Amino acid sequence: LWSYATERGEGSMEQRPKLREIGGQGVWTVSSCKPGFGVMQLRDDSTDTYWQSDGPQPHLITIEFLKKTAVQRISIYADYRQDESYTPSKVCIKAGNSFFDLNQITVAELDEPEGWVDVEVLNKEEKPVKAFVFQVSVLANHQNGRDTHIRQIKIYEPEFSVSTHNAIDGCINFQTVDYTSMAIIR
């Protein structure tokens, strides 16, 4: 599957009322990095810092979750004006149950991005992909650059509403914080 990423520019990350950022729930690893330019900089919520790879392509960012997780979108912050040949031009998103059975979900072309680029992570039925492991692979950089800079990555799941069916009252949608926090406990 090929897709062209949607670029949002410098807009706010809060423009997605139906999605929830879940990057803090995963374990992040990168295939390589220069000292001081690793996962911490990739996830620090600052577009002034960045992850810089250090080695041959493809450059990999892997996110592992403890439970099977539905992911709908991965957003990448890249800035061609600042990073030039370090800016990714082609990324591949893979997903699977482990690092060893990853399947390609989509390949996205990034044309001189300046800001947030959204890559939808959908299966053939146009639904979010459910997996334990997600991987962003940088396949190529602009101007045939070797190493890459990615300033931020966010990973989103759909925000599900919890509702309960009661035979007497019909469908009741409980939305209190107390109820929703207890609704998924087994």
Protein backbone atom coordinates (compact mmCIF):
# COMPACT_ATOMS: atom_id res chain seq x y z
CA LEU A 1 0.00 0.00 0.00
CA TRP A 2 1.23 3.48 -0.87
CA SER A 3 -0.02 6.63 0.75
CA TYR A 4 0.85 10.25 0.63
CA ALA A 5 1.19 11.74 4.06
CA THR A 6 -0.92 14.72 5.06
CA GLU A 7 1.12 17.70 6.17
CA ARG A 8 -0.37 19.94 8.86
CA GLY A 9 2.42 22.48 9.26
CA GLU A 10 2.92 24.11 12.66
CA GLY A 11 -0.66 23.47 13.84
CA SER A 12 -1.58 22.35 17.32
CA MET A 13 -1.51 18.68 18.23
CA GLU A 14 -4.89 19.19 19.91
CA GLN A 15 -6.69 19.35 16.55
CA ARG A 16 -7.66 15.65 16.88
CA PRO A 17 -10.68 15.26 19.12
CA LYS A 18 -11.21 11.58 18.23
CA LEU A 19 -7.63 10.36 18.79
CA ARG A 20 -5.54 9.85 21.92
CA GLU A 21 -1.72 9.93 22.04
CA ILE A 22 -0.40 6.68 23.53
CA GLY A 23 3.35 6.96 23.03
CA GLY A 24 3.95 7.00 26.79
CA GLN A 25 2.52 3.47 27.04
CA GLY A 26 5.10 1.98 24.70
CA VAL A 27 8.76 1.05 24.93
CA TRP A 28 10.72 3.00 22.31
CA THR A 29 13.97 1.89 20.66
CA VAL A 30 15.96 3.23 17.72
CA SER A 31 18.32 1.33 15.42
CA SER A 32 21.14 3.81 16.06
CA CYS A 33 21.76 7.33 17.30
CA LYS A 34 24.47 9.91 17.77
CA PRO A 35 25.29 10.50 21.46
CA GLY A 36 22.78 12.97 22.92
CA PHE A 37 20.33 12.56 19.99
CA GLY A 38 18.31 9.46 20.92
CA VAL A 39 14.85 8.43 22.05
CA MET A 40 14.73 11.10 24.79
CA GLN A 41 14.99 13.87 22.18
CA LEU A 42 12.48 12.12 19.90
CA ARG A 43 9.84 12.10 22.66
CA ASP A 44 10.58 15.30 24.65
CA ASP A 45 7.74 17.37 23.09
CA SER A 46 10.21 19.93 21.74
CA THR A 47 10.60 20.56 18.03
CA ASP A 48 14.00 22.16 18.71
CA THR A 49 15.57 18.77 19.54
CA TYR A 50 15.74 15.67 17.32
CA TRP A 51 16.78 12.06 16.99
CA GLN A 52 19.77 11.66 14.68
CA SER A 53 20.55 8.23 13.31
CA ASP A 54 24.11 6.98 12.99
CA GLY A 55 24.52 4.16 10.51
CA PRO A 56 23.27 2.68 7.25
CA GLN A 57 19.66 2.90 6.09
CA PRO A 58 17.00 1.89 6.82
CA HIS A 59 16.82 3.78 10.12
CA LEU A 60 14.31 2.20 12.50
CA ILE A 61 12.13 3.47 15.33
CA THR A 62 10.32 0.64 17.11
CA ILE A 63 7.47 1.01 19.59
CA GLU A 64 6.47 -2.06 21.63
CA PHE A 65 3.28 -2.25 23.70
CA LEU A 66 2.49 -4.68 26.54
CA LYS A 67 -0.94 -5.43 25.08
CA LYS A 68 -2.32 -5.53 21.55
CA THR A 69 -2.99 -1.89 20.72
CA ALA A 70 -5.07 -0.29 17.98
CA VAL A 71 -3.12 2.47 16.24
CA GLN A 72 -4.80 4.77 13.75
CA ARG A 73 -2.18 7.43 13.07
CA ILE A 74 1.52 8.09 13.47
CA SER A 75 2.53 11.75 13.27
CA ILE A 76 6.09 12.75 12.43
CA TYR A 77 7.54 16.22 12.91
CA ALA A 78 10.20 16.94 10.29
CA ASP A 79 11.64 20.25 9.09
CA TYR A 80 13.26 20.32 5.66
CA ARG A 81 14.32 23.97 6.03
CA GLN A 82 16.44 23.21 9.10
CA ASP A 83 17.57 19.66 8.36
CA GLU A 84 17.87 19.54 4.53
CA SER A 85 19.51 16.22 3.52
CA TYR A 86 18.79 14.75 6.97
CA THR A 87 15.02 15.04 6.35
CA PRO A 88 13.22 11.76 5.57
CA SER A 89 11.63 11.55 2.12
CA LYS A 90 10.17 8.02 2.34
CA VAL A 91 8.99 6.19 5.46
CA CYS A 92 7.47 2.75 5.88
CA ILE A 93 5.14 1.79 8.73
CA LYS A 94 5.15 -1.86 9.83
CA ALA A 95 3.20 -3.71 12.52
CA GLY A 96 3.14 -7.19 14.04
CA ASN A 97 3.01 -9.34 17.15
CA SER A 98 6.78 -9.24 17.62
CA PHE A 99 9.87 -7.71 16.07
CA PHE A 100 10.24 -10.86 13.93
CA ASP A 101 6.84 -10.88 12.18
CA LEU A 102 6.38 -7.25 11.14
CA ASN A 103 4.20 -6.66 8.07
CA GLN A 104 4.24 -3.54 5.94
CA ILE A 105 1.14 -1.40 6.50
CA THR A 106 1.91 1.66 4.38
CA VAL A 107 4.71 3.59 2.69
CA ALA A 108 4.50 7.38 2.77
CA GLU A 109 6.33 9.94 0.65
CA LEU A 110 7.32 13.14 2.47
CA ASP A 111 7.91 16.04 0.08
CA GLU A 112 10.10 18.62 1.85
CA PRO A 113 8.01 18.54 5.05
CA GLU A 114 7.94 21.50 7.42
CA GLY A 115 5.91 20.53 10.45
CA TRP A 116 3.67 17.65 11.46
CA VAL A 117 3.06 14.93 8.89
CA ASP A 118 0.21 12.49 9.60
CA VAL A 119 0.50 8.92 8.35
CA GLU A 120 -2.70 6.90 8.68
CA VAL A 121 -2.18 3.35 9.96
CA LEU A 122 -5.22 1.50 8.60
CA ASN A 123 -5.84 -2.08 7.49
CA LYS A 124 -7.60 -3.18 4.29
CA GLU A 125 -10.99 -2.54 5.91
CA GLU A 126 -9.90 1.07 6.67
CA LYS A 127 -9.81 0.33 10.42
CA PRO A 128 -6.96 0.99 12.87
CA VAL A 129 -4.24 -1.69 12.91
CA LYS A 130 -4.04 -3.77 16.11
CA ALA A 131 -0.58 -5.06 17.04
CA PHE A 132 1.97 -5.32 19.84
CA VAL A 133 4.83 -3.77 17.83
CA PHE A 134 4.87 -0.82 15.43
CA GLN A 135 7.91 0.28 13.47
CA VAL A 136 8.72 3.44 11.52
CA SER A 137 11.42 2.76 8.96
CA VAL A 138 13.16 5.66 7.19
CA LEU A 139 13.89 4.28 3.72
CA ALA A 140 15.27 7.42 2.08
CA ASN A 141 16.22 11.01 2.84
CA HIS A 142 16.06 14.15 0.72
CA GLN A 143 19.14 14.80 -1.43
CA ASN A 144 20.22 11.17 -0.83
CA GLY A 145 21.26 11.98 2.73
CA ARG A 146 22.70 9.15 4.85
CA ASP A 147 21.64 9.88 8.45
CA THR A 148 18.23 11.23 9.39
CA HIS A 149 16.70 13.79 11.75
CA ILE A 150 13.21 13.30 13.14
CA ARG A 151 12.20 15.99 15.60
CA GLN A 152 9.14 14.32 17.15
CA ILE A 153 6.90 11.28 16.73
CA LYS A 154 3.44 10.82 18.19
CA ILE A 155 1.39 7.62 17.98
CA TYR A 156 -2.42 7.72 18.27
CA GLU A 157 -5.20 5.27 18.99
CA PRO A 158 -8.88 5.94 18.33
CA GLU A 159 -10.72 7.27 21.35
CA PHE A 160 -13.46 4.76 22.08
CA SER A 161 -16.59 5.79 23.96
CA VAL A 162 -17.66 3.34 26.62
CA SER A 163 -21.36 2.53 26.67
CA THR A 164 -23.39 -0.05 28.53
CA HIS A 165 -26.61 -1.67 27.42
CA ASN A 166 -29.34 -2.09 30.02
CA ALA A 167 -32.37 -4.19 29.03
CA ILE A 168 -34.78 -2.01 31.05
CA ASP A 169 -33.52 1.48 30.27
CA GLY A 170 -32.19 0.89 26.76
CA CYS A 171 -28.72 2.10 25.85
CA ILE A 172 -27.08 4.26 28.51
CA ASN A 173 -23.84 6.05 27.77
CA PHE A 174 -21.85 6.43 31.01
CA GLN A 175 -19.20 9.13 30.75
CA THR A 176 -18.08 9.89 34.28
CA VAL A 177 -14.38 9.58 35.05
CA ASP A 178 -15.07 7.02 37.80
CA TYR A 179 -17.12 4.79 35.49
CA THR A 180 -14.76 4.90 32.51
CA SER A 181 -11.72 4.21 34.71
CA MET A 182 -13.41 1.06 36.08
CA ALA A 183 -15.19 -0.04 32.89
CA ILE A 184 -12.19 -1.87 31.44
CA ILE A 185 -10.95 -3.57 34.61
CA ARG A 186 -11.42 -7.33 34.44
